Protein backbone atom coordinates (compact mmCIF):
# COMPACT_ATOMS: atom_id res chain seq x y z
CA ALA A 1 93.34 250.78 106.79
CA ILE A 2 90.40 250.78 104.39
CA ALA A 3 86.96 250.88 106.04
CA SER A 4 83.79 249.48 104.48
CA ALA A 5 80.30 248.60 105.60
CA ASP A 6 81.21 245.00 106.47
CA ASN A 7 84.83 245.09 107.58
CA ILE A 8 88.08 247.00 107.83
CA ARG A 9 90.82 245.96 105.43
CA ILE A 10 94.00 246.53 107.38
CA THR A 11 96.21 245.71 104.39
CA PRO A 12 95.28 244.70 100.84
CA SER A 13 97.01 241.90 98.95
CA LEU A 14 99.76 244.18 97.67
CA ARG A 15 103.46 243.89 98.41
CA SER A 16 105.11 245.89 101.20
CA LYS A 17 101.95 247.42 102.63
CA LYS A 18 101.18 248.29 106.26
CA GLY A 19 98.03 249.28 108.07
CA TRP A 20 96.67 249.83 111.55
CA ALA A 21 93.61 250.89 113.56
CA TRP A 22 93.42 252.03 117.20
CA THR A 23 90.76 252.90 119.73
CA LYS A 24 90.20 256.58 120.42
CA ASN A 25 90.02 256.37 124.21
CA PRO A 26 91.91 254.28 126.77
CA ILE A 27 90.08 251.65 128.76
CA THR A 28 88.85 252.41 132.27
CA PHE A 29 89.02 248.88 133.69
CA ASP A 30 91.95 246.73 134.74
CA GLN A 31 90.65 243.28 133.72
CA TRP A 32 89.29 242.74 130.25
CA SER A 33 88.49 240.36 127.42
CA VAL A 34 88.77 241.17 123.71
CA GLU A 35 87.65 239.11 120.72
CA CYS A 36 88.99 239.84 117.25
CA VAL A 37 87.17 238.39 114.23
CA PHE A 38 89.26 238.48 111.07
CA LYS A 39 90.01 236.75 107.77
CA VAL A 40 93.40 236.34 106.10
CA THR A 41 93.09 235.35 102.44
CA GLY A 42 95.63 235.01 99.68
CA ARG A 43 96.17 233.21 96.40
CA GLY A 44 99.47 231.61 97.37
CA ARG A 45 100.16 228.61 99.53
CA ILE A 46 102.34 230.80 101.75
CA GLY A 47 101.34 234.26 102.95
CA ALA A 48 102.98 237.21 104.65
CA ASP A 49 103.57 238.82 106.97
CA GLY A 50 100.78 238.62 109.51
CA LEU A 51 98.37 240.44 111.80
CA ALA A 52 98.73 241.67 115.39
CA VAL A 53 96.37 242.61 118.23
CA TRP A 54 97.85 245.24 120.56
CA TYR A 55 97.30 246.53 124.07
CA THR A 56 99.77 249.34 124.75
CA THR A 57 100.03 252.49 126.79
CA GLN A 58 100.33 254.67 123.68
CA LYS A 59 98.86 254.57 120.21
CA SER A 60 101.51 253.38 117.83
CA GLN A 61 102.20 254.49 114.29
CA GLU A 62 103.69 252.74 111.28
CA GLY A 63 106.57 250.49 112.21
CA THR A 64 108.45 247.28 111.54
CA VAL A 65 106.53 244.87 113.79
CA TYR A 66 103.50 243.77 111.80
CA GLY A 67 102.93 247.34 110.68
CA SER A 68 103.34 248.90 114.15
CA THR A 69 106.25 250.42 116.04
CA ASP A 70 108.81 248.35 117.88
CA MET A 71 109.72 248.53 121.60
CA TRP A 72 106.14 248.98 122.73
CA ASN A 73 104.95 248.99 126.33
CA GLY A 74 102.23 246.41 126.76
CA LEU A 75 101.03 243.24 125.07
CA GLY A 76 101.17 242.04 121.49
CA VAL A 77 99.35 238.97 120.16
CA PHE A 78 100.80 238.05 116.76
CA MET A 79 99.31 235.90 114.00
CA ASP A 80 102.51 235.19 112.05
CA SER A 81 101.97 233.67 108.59
CA PHE A 82 105.54 233.81 107.20
CA ASP A 83 108.40 231.55 108.31
CA ASN A 84 111.44 233.82 108.73
CA ASP A 85 113.59 231.37 110.71
CA GLY A 86 113.02 228.43 108.35
CA GLN A 87 111.85 226.10 111.13
CA HIS A 88 108.59 225.23 109.34
CA ASN A 89 106.56 226.33 112.35
CA ASN A 90 104.18 228.76 110.67
CA PRO A 91 101.39 229.91 110.66
CA TYR A 92 101.88 230.57 114.35
CA VAL A 93 99.95 232.41 117.07
CA MET A 94 102.01 233.85 119.91
CA ALA A 95 101.95 236.49 122.66
CA MET A 96 104.77 238.78 123.73
CA VAL A 97 104.93 241.22 126.65
CA ASN A 98 107.26 244.22 126.32
CA ASP A 99 108.13 246.91 128.84
CA GLY A 100 109.43 249.31 126.19
CA THR A 101 113.04 248.08 126.24
CA LYS A 102 112.91 244.91 124.12
CA GLN A 103 113.38 244.88 120.38
CA TYR A 104 111.46 242.29 118.39
CA ASP A 105 113.69 239.58 116.87
CA HIS A 106 112.56 239.18 113.26
CA GLN A 107 115.13 236.51 112.37
CA SER A 108 113.74 234.01 114.90
CA ASP A 109 110.11 235.23 114.66
CA GLY A 110 110.29 236.16 118.35
CA SER A 111 110.44 232.52 119.42
CA GLN A 112 112.85 233.34 122.26
CA GLN A 113 110.79 236.33 123.43
CA GLN A 114 107.30 234.87 123.51
CA ILE A 115 105.47 233.89 126.69
CA GLY A 116 103.52 231.20 124.86
CA GLY A 117 101.95 230.25 121.58
CA CYS A 118 100.48 227.57 119.36
CA MET A 119 100.75 226.50 115.75
CA ARG A 120 97.39 227.11 114.04
CA ASP A 121 96.59 227.71 110.39
CA PHE A 122 94.37 230.80 109.99
CA ARG A 123 94.75 231.49 106.25
CA ASN A 124 92.03 230.89 103.63
CA LYS A 125 89.44 229.46 106.00
CA PRO A 126 85.77 229.03 105.02
CA TYR A 127 84.56 230.98 108.07
CA PRO A 128 86.05 233.94 109.94
CA VAL A 129 88.83 233.21 112.42
CA ARG A 130 88.32 234.36 116.02
CA VAL A 131 91.00 235.14 118.59
CA LYS A 132 89.93 235.79 122.18
CA VAL A 133 92.40 237.35 124.64
CA GLU A 134 91.50 237.43 128.35
CA TYR A 135 93.42 239.19 131.11
CA TYR A 136 92.03 238.41 134.56
CA ASN A 137 93.81 238.36 137.94
CA ARG A 138 97.24 238.64 136.26
CA ILE A 139 96.48 235.57 134.12
CA LEU A 140 96.71 235.92 130.36
CA THR A 141 94.75 233.40 128.26
CA VAL A 142 94.48 233.21 124.49
CA PHE A 143 91.83 231.15 122.69
CA ILE A 144 91.50 230.65 118.95
CA ASN A 145 88.72 229.51 116.64
CA THR A 146 90.35 228.47 113.36
CA GLY A 147 87.20 229.04 111.28
CA LEU A 148 86.71 225.46 110.14
CA THR A 149 83.07 225.44 111.33
CA ASN A 150 80.29 227.98 111.60
CA ASN A 151 80.19 227.54 115.38
CA LYS A 152 81.24 230.83 116.94
CA ASP A 153 82.01 229.19 120.29
CA ASP A 154 84.34 226.49 118.93
CA PHE A 155 87.43 227.88 120.69
CA GLU A 156 90.66 226.03 121.45
CA LEU A 157 93.11 226.96 124.18
CA CYS A 158 96.27 228.37 122.63
CA LEU A 159 98.21 229.60 125.66
CA ARG A 160 97.80 230.42 129.34
CA GLN A 161 100.39 232.33 131.33
CA GLU A 162 100.22 233.41 134.96
CA ASN A 163 101.86 236.35 136.74
CA VAL A 164 101.59 238.65 133.74
CA ASP A 165 101.73 242.35 134.61
CA LEU A 166 100.24 244.76 132.07
CA PRO A 167 99.94 248.53 132.36
CA LYS A 168 96.60 250.10 133.22
CA GLY A 169 94.60 252.43 131.06
CA GLY A 170 95.99 251.27 127.72
CA TYR A 171 94.72 251.38 124.14
CA PHE A 172 93.61 248.50 121.95
CA GLY A 173 94.76 248.32 118.36
CA ILE A 174 95.15 246.14 115.27
CA SER A 175 97.90 246.22 112.68
CA ALA A 176 99.05 244.12 109.72
CA ALA A 177 101.83 244.10 107.15
CA THR A 178 102.77 242.41 103.88
CA GLY A 179 106.20 241.73 102.38
CA GLY A 180 107.34 239.97 99.25
CA LEU A 181 104.18 237.87 99.59
CA ALA A 182 100.83 239.52 100.22
CA ASP A 183 97.50 238.62 101.82
CA ASP A 184 94.28 240.48 102.44
CA HIS A 185 93.96 241.14 106.17
CA ASP A 186 90.31 241.95 106.97
CA VAL A 187 88.91 242.60 110.46
CA LEU A 188 85.18 241.95 110.74
CA ALA A 189 84.65 242.71 114.43
CA PHE A 190 86.55 243.74 117.54
CA LEU A 191 84.63 243.20 120.79
CA THR A 192 85.82 244.45 124.17
CA HIS A 193 84.38 243.44 127.56
CA SER A 194 85.34 244.32 131.10
CA LEU A 195 85.80 241.54 133.66
CA HIS A 196 84.91 241.91 137.35
CA ASP A 197 84.70 239.73 140.42
CA GLY A 198 81.20 238.75 141.47
CA ASP A 199 81.38 240.55 144.83
CA GLN A 200 82.80 243.72 143.33
CA LEU A 201 80.19 243.76 140.58
CA ALA A 202 77.36 243.31 143.09
CA ALA A 203 78.74 246.13 145.23
CA LYS A 204 79.00 248.45 142.23
CA THR A 205 75.51 247.69 140.91
CA GLN A 206 73.77 247.89 144.28
CA VAL A 207 71.58 251.00 144.61
CA SER A 208 71.16 252.72 147.94
CA GLU A 209 67.76 253.03 149.55
CA GLN A 210 67.76 256.80 149.18
CA GLU A 211 68.40 256.62 145.43
CA ARG A 212 65.76 253.92 144.96
CA GLN A 213 63.17 256.06 146.78
CA LYS A 214 64.13 259.02 144.65
CA TYR A 215 63.64 257.06 141.40
CA GLU A 216 60.27 255.70 142.56
CA ASN A 217 59.01 259.17 143.44
CA GLU A 218 60.08 260.50 140.05
CA PHE A 219 58.30 257.65 138.31
CA ASP A 220 55.07 258.21 140.29
CA THR A 221 55.17 261.94 139.53
CA TYR A 222 55.66 261.41 135.80
CA TYR A 223 52.93 258.77 135.68
CA LYS A 224 50.39 261.03 137.42
CA GLU A 225 51.20 263.88 135.07
CA LEU A 226 50.74 261.59 132.09
CA GLU A 227 47.33 260.42 133.29
CA LYS A 228 46.22 263.99 133.99
CA ASN A 229 47.31 265.14 130.53
CA LYS A 230 45.42 262.24 128.94
CA GLN A 231 42.22 263.17 130.79
CA ASP A 232 42.55 266.83 129.83
CA PHE A 233 43.06 265.88 126.19
CA ASN A 234 40.02 263.59 126.19
CA GLN A 235 37.82 266.32 127.68
CA ALA A 236 39.07 268.94 125.25
CA HIS A 237 38.78 266.69 122.16
CA PRO A 238 36.01 264.12 122.73
CA ASP A 239 35.77 263.36 118.99
CA LYS A 240 39.40 262.24 118.87
CA VAL A 241 39.22 259.94 121.85
CA ARG A 242 40.21 256.41 120.87
CA GLN A 243 38.19 253.52 122.15
CA ASP A 244 39.97 251.58 124.85
CA TYR A 245 40.41 248.05 123.59
CA GLU A 246 42.54 246.89 126.46
CA GLY A 247 39.52 245.54 128.34
CA GLU A 248 38.78 243.12 125.51
CA PHE A 249 42.12 241.35 125.86
CA ASP A 250 43.26 239.09 128.62
CA ASN A 251 46.04 240.12 130.84
CA GLN A 252 48.98 237.87 131.58
CA GLY A 253 47.45 236.27 134.66
CA GLU A 254 44.12 235.50 133.01
CA ARG A 255 45.87 234.02 130.00
CA GLU A 256 47.97 231.73 132.18
CA LEU A 257 44.92 230.62 134.20
CA ARG A 258 43.02 229.81 131.01
CA MET A 259 45.94 227.78 129.68
CA ILE A 260 46.15 225.84 132.96
CA PHE A 261 42.39 225.17 132.90
CA GLU A 262 42.51 223.96 129.29
CA GLY A 263 45.44 221.68 130.10
CA GLN A 264 43.59 220.18 133.06
CA ASN A 265 40.50 219.57 130.92
CA SER A 266 42.53 217.79 128.24
CA ILE A 267 44.20 215.61 130.89
CA HIS A 268 40.77 214.79 132.38
CA HIS A 269 39.37 213.72 128.99
CA ALA A 270 42.45 211.59 128.30
CA VAL A 271 42.08 209.83 131.68
CA LYS A 272 38.42 209.13 130.94
CA GLU A 273 39.27 207.60 127.58
CA LEU A 274 41.97 205.45 129.16
CA ARG A 275 39.57 204.26 131.86
CA LYS A 276 36.95 203.36 129.26
CA THR A 277 39.49 201.40 127.20
CA LEU A 278 40.76 199.62 130.32
CA ASP A 279 37.22 198.58 131.30
CA GLU A 280 36.66 197.12 127.84
CA LEU A 281 39.88 195.14 128.02
CA LEU A 282 39.03 193.80 131.48
CA GLY A 283 35.57 192.72 130.28
CA ARG A 284 36.99 190.87 127.30
CA GLN A 285 39.59 189.17 129.48
CA GLU A 286 36.96 188.00 131.96
CA MET A 287 34.80 186.64 129.12
CA VAL A 288 37.72 184.69 127.64
CA LEU A 289 38.73 183.28 131.03
CA THR A 290 35.14 182.20 131.72
CA ARG A 291 34.82 180.37 128.42
CA VAL A 292 38.19 178.67 128.81
CA SER A 293 37.27 177.47 132.29
CA GLN A 294 33.96 176.11 130.99
CA LEU A 295 35.79 174.28 128.21
CA SER A 296 38.22 172.73 130.68
CA THR A 297 35.33 171.43 132.82
CA GLY A 298 33.49 170.06 129.76
CA GLY A 299 30.50 172.35 130.05
CA ALA A 300 28.60 174.18 127.33
CA VAL A 301 29.21 177.80 126.53
CA GLN A 302 26.55 180.17 125.28
CA ALA A 303 27.64 182.17 122.25
CA PRO A 304 27.10 185.91 122.27
CA GLN A 305 25.10 185.69 119.02
CA GLY A 306 22.76 183.07 117.64
CA GLY A 307 24.13 180.40 115.37
CA ALA A 308 23.86 176.76 114.38
CA GLN A 309 23.81 174.29 117.23
CA GLN A 310 26.54 171.74 117.61
CA MET A 311 26.99 169.00 120.15
CA GLY A 312 29.69 169.94 122.66
CA GLY A 313 30.87 168.37 125.83
CA GLY A 314 27.45 168.79 127.44
CA GLY A 315 25.37 169.70 124.38
CA GLY A 316 24.68 173.34 123.73
CA VAL A 317 25.35 176.31 121.52
CA PRO A 318 28.88 176.48 120.07
CA MET A 319 31.22 179.37 120.73
CA LEU A 320 31.80 181.99 118.08
CA ASP A 321 35.02 183.93 117.76
CA THR A 322 36.50 182.28 120.87
CA ILE A 323 39.34 179.88 121.47
CA LYS A 324 38.51 176.21 120.85
CA ARG A 325 39.60 173.18 122.81
CA HIS A 326 41.67 171.76 119.99
CA GLU A 327 43.38 175.12 119.58
CA VAL A 328 44.39 175.04 123.23
CA ASP A 329 45.68 171.48 122.78
CA ARG A 330 47.60 172.52 119.68
CA VAL A 331 49.26 175.37 121.55
CA MET A 332 50.23 173.03 124.40
CA ASN A 333 51.59 170.43 121.96
CA ASN A 334 53.64 173.04 120.14
CA GLN A 335 55.07 174.21 123.42
CA ASN A 336 56.00 170.65 124.40
CA ASP A 337 57.63 170.09 121.00
CA LEU A 338 59.67 173.23 121.41
CA MET A 339 60.83 172.12 124.84
CA GLN A 340 61.74 168.65 123.52
CA SER A 341 63.67 170.19 120.61
CA ALA A 342 65.53 172.42 123.03
CA ARG A 343 66.51 169.40 125.16
CA GLU A 344 67.72 167.47 122.12
CA MET A 345 69.71 170.43 120.90
CA ARG A 346 71.31 170.82 124.32
CA GLN A 347 72.20 167.10 124.39
CA LEU A 348 73.67 167.30 120.90
CA LEU A 349 75.79 170.29 121.86
CA ASN A 350 77.08 168.49 124.94
CA ASP A 351 77.98 165.44 122.82
CA ILE A 352 79.84 167.59 120.31
CA GLN A 353 81.72 169.32 123.11
CA ASN A 354 82.75 165.99 124.67
CA ARG A 355 84.01 164.67 121.35
CA ALA A 356 85.95 167.84 120.74
CA ASN A 357 87.58 167.52 124.16
CA VAL A 358 88.58 163.89 123.43
CA ILE A 359 90.08 164.83 120.06
CA GLN A 360 91.99 167.69 121.68
CA GLN A 361 93.38 165.40 124.38
CA ASN A 362 94.49 162.81 121.79
CA MET A 363 96.26 165.48 119.77
CA GLY A 364 98.00 166.82 122.87
CA GLN A 365 99.16 163.41 124.11
CA GLY A 366 100.19 161.97 120.75
CA GLY A 367 103.75 163.27 121.00
CA GLY A 368 104.57 161.39 124.23
CA ALA A 369 102.92 158.07 123.47
CA ALA A 370 106.10 156.28 122.32
CA GLY A 371 107.72 156.30 125.76
CA GLY A 372 104.54 155.29 127.61
CA GLY A 373 104.88 151.61 126.78
CA GLY A 374 101.14 151.11 127.17
CA GLY A 375 99.96 153.24 124.25
CA GLY A 376 97.91 155.56 126.47
CA GLY A 377 96.21 158.34 124.54
CA LEU A 378 96.66 156.57 121.11
CA PRO A 379 93.84 156.10 118.60
CA GLN A 380 91.80 152.90 118.76
CA HIS A 381 93.22 151.25 115.63
CA THR A 382 96.78 151.78 116.95
CA GLN A 383 95.93 150.17 120.28
CA GLN A 384 94.32 147.22 118.47
CA ALA A 385 97.43 146.66 116.32
CA ILE A 386 99.64 146.73 119.43
CA SER A 387 97.43 144.12 121.11
CA GLU A 388 97.69 141.83 118.08
CA LEU A 389 101.48 142.16 118.07
CA GLN A 390 101.61 141.26 121.74
CA GLU A 391 99.54 138.13 121.11
CA HIS A 392 101.80 137.09 118.22
CA MET A 393 104.89 137.54 120.39
CA LYS A 394 103.30 135.40 123.03
CA TYR A 395 102.70 132.59 120.54
CA VAL A 396 106.29 132.80 119.26
CA ARG A 397 107.69 132.57 122.78
CA GLN A 398 105.56 129.52 123.53
CA ASP A 399 106.76 127.77 120.36
CA VAL A 400 110.38 128.46 121.20
CA VAL A 401 109.97 127.13 124.74
CA ASN A 402 108.33 123.95 123.41
CA LEU A 403 111.19 123.37 121.02
CA VAL A 404 113.77 123.80 123.77
CA ASN A 405 112.01 121.51 126.22
CA ARG A 406 111.19 118.72 123.71
CA PRO A 407 112.59 115.30 125.05
CA GLN A 408 115.27 113.30 123.23
CA SER A 409 114.40 110.01 121.44
CA ALA A 410 115.17 106.68 123.29
CA GLY A 411 116.85 104.94 120.38
CA GLY A 412 120.14 106.55 121.06
CA VAL A 413 120.50 107.52 117.48
CA ALA A 414 123.28 109.97 117.22
CA CYS A 415 122.52 113.25 115.64
CA PRO A 416 124.30 114.00 112.45
CA PRO A 417 127.13 116.40 112.78
CA PRO A 418 126.01 119.98 112.44
CA LEU A 419 126.68 121.68 109.25
CA ALA A 420 128.91 124.66 109.17
CA VAL A 421 126.00 127.05 109.05
CA SER A 422 126.04 130.16 111.15
CA CYS A 423 122.78 130.50 113.13
CA ILE A 424 121.68 133.33 115.37
CA THR A 425 121.45 132.83 119.06
CA PRO A 426 118.12 133.01 120.93
CA THR A 427 119.21 136.25 122.58
CA LEU A 428 119.86 137.90 119.24
CA PHE A 429 116.56 136.57 117.95
CA PHE A 430 114.58 138.07 120.83
CA VAL A 431 116.46 141.35 120.55
CA SER A 432 115.60 141.58 116.85
CA ILE A 433 111.94 140.80 117.54
CA ILE A 434 111.78 143.47 120.25
CA ALA A 435 113.51 145.99 117.97
CA GLN A 436 111.03 145.25 115.22
CA PHE A 437 108.19 145.66 117.70
CA VAL A 438 109.54 149.04 118.86
CA LEU A 439 110.00 150.24 115.27
CA LEU A 440 106.45 149.24 114.41
CA ILE A 441 105.06 151.12 117.39
CA ALA A 442 107.13 154.20 116.50
CA TYR A 443 105.86 154.07 112.93
CA MET A 444 102.24 153.88 114.09
CA VAL A 445 102.72 156.80 116.45
CA TYR A 446 104.37 158.81 113.69
CA ARG A 447 101.51 158.07 111.28
CA SER A 448 98.93 158.98 113.94
CA ASN A 449 100.61 162.34 114.55
CA LYS A 450 100.73 163.06 110.84
CA GLU A 451 97.03 162.31 110.48
CA ALA A 452 96.20 164.53 113.47
CA GLN A 453 98.23 167.39 112.02
CA ALA A 454 96.57 166.96 108.63
CA LYS A 455 93.12 167.20 110.26
CA LYS A 456 93.93 170.64 111.67
CA PHE A 457 93.85 172.15 108.17
CA TYR A 458 90.28 170.98 107.46
C-alpha cells in the first residue's frame, strides 16, 4: 500500500498488483461497527479485481483472495468488480464467513459460499463510497453508500444475517488486487466503533462514591494551591499584576436575565401598539355605523370638518369621506342582480340537463321502436307522419266499405259481363297496404337512428 496525506492507495492502476493494510493491535470488544470510505476509479468500463474488508484472527499476507491469503478464520466483505463467472452480476458486494477450512471459489465469485450480498456499482463515483459493517448480538449487517450524493448518511441495506459466530479479539484489515484490468483502489478513512448494550454501558461508566469523593478532594486541593500561588505571585510582583476584567462582564445568569427582560419589554411594546391600533379601528367602525344609521332614519349627519352645506333628508351639513345613501343602494342593487343572475344560470343549467336526458333516452330507445307499434320514444316528426298515415288508412277503409255497401239500381239493368281482367282481392289489397305501412315505419325508424348516430360525432 502507498500512504499519502489524504488516503492510502492499496493498489495503483497497474496490472497484477496486490496491496493490504492491517491494524497493529487486536480489538478488545466483542461487538463492533466499522465504516470504510474508499474510491475505486479506472479508465475502462470494466474494472478488476476488487477490494476486501477483513476481520480475522491473524494478520494475513499477500494471497490470492483480493490480495490476501485464502482459508482465513473470520469475516471477509468483498467489493468484487470483475465478473469471473460470466453471469453479468458485477460489481457485487458480498460477505463470507470462513472458519479456516474453506477455499474461496474464484470461478463462481464465491456465489455459493456467501451469506448474503447485493449488486451495487461502486466504480467511478463522484463522491467516496462508504461501506458500514455492524456485528451486534450475533447479527451481521452490511450497509452501503454508493457515492451518488454528498450525503454521508445515505446508506442502503445490503445484507442482514443472523446467528453469525465470529472469533473474538481479531484484527481489521483492507486488501485489494488487480488483474488483466486495473483500477486505483484508494481508502480515505477506516472508522472503528465498539457497540454495547445500554445497561452494560451504564454499569461500566458508573463511578463509585469513593472514587467520586477522591476526585473531588483532588480538585479542591489543586484549586486551593492555584489560588495561593496566584496570591503569592501578586504580592511578590505587584507591577506585573494584571487588572481583573472579569467583573466588567456579565456572567451566564445575568446575561440570560437581561435577555429575558429585553424580550418581555419588546412584547409589552408590541401589545401596546396593537391595543392602540385596535382602539382606532373600533372608533372608526362606530363612527361609520352611526352615520349609516342616521342615513337610514333620514336624519342629518355632521361632517368632521367644515364644508359647503347641502340639503339632506333633514337639512344639514353633508358628510365628507363617508358612505352615501346612493352608494348603499347601488351595493344592494348589485347584490340583487348577482342573485338574480345566479338563479337564471341555475335554471338554464337545469333546462340543459333535462334536454340532455331526453336526447339520451331517445337515442337509447330508438333501436326498439319498430316492434312497439305505437312509436314510443320516436322523434316528433316521425310520430306526426305515423298519425297522418293512420288517418289516410282510415279514409281508404271508409271508401271501400261505402263501395261494398252501395245499393243496386231498381231498373233491373243487367251488368255487362266482366272482362277477363285479373283484379286483386280485398284481402290482398289490405295486406299490401299494411306491408307498405310497416315498410314506411321501418324506414323512418332507420333514418331516425342514422341521424342520432350522426349527431354523436358533433
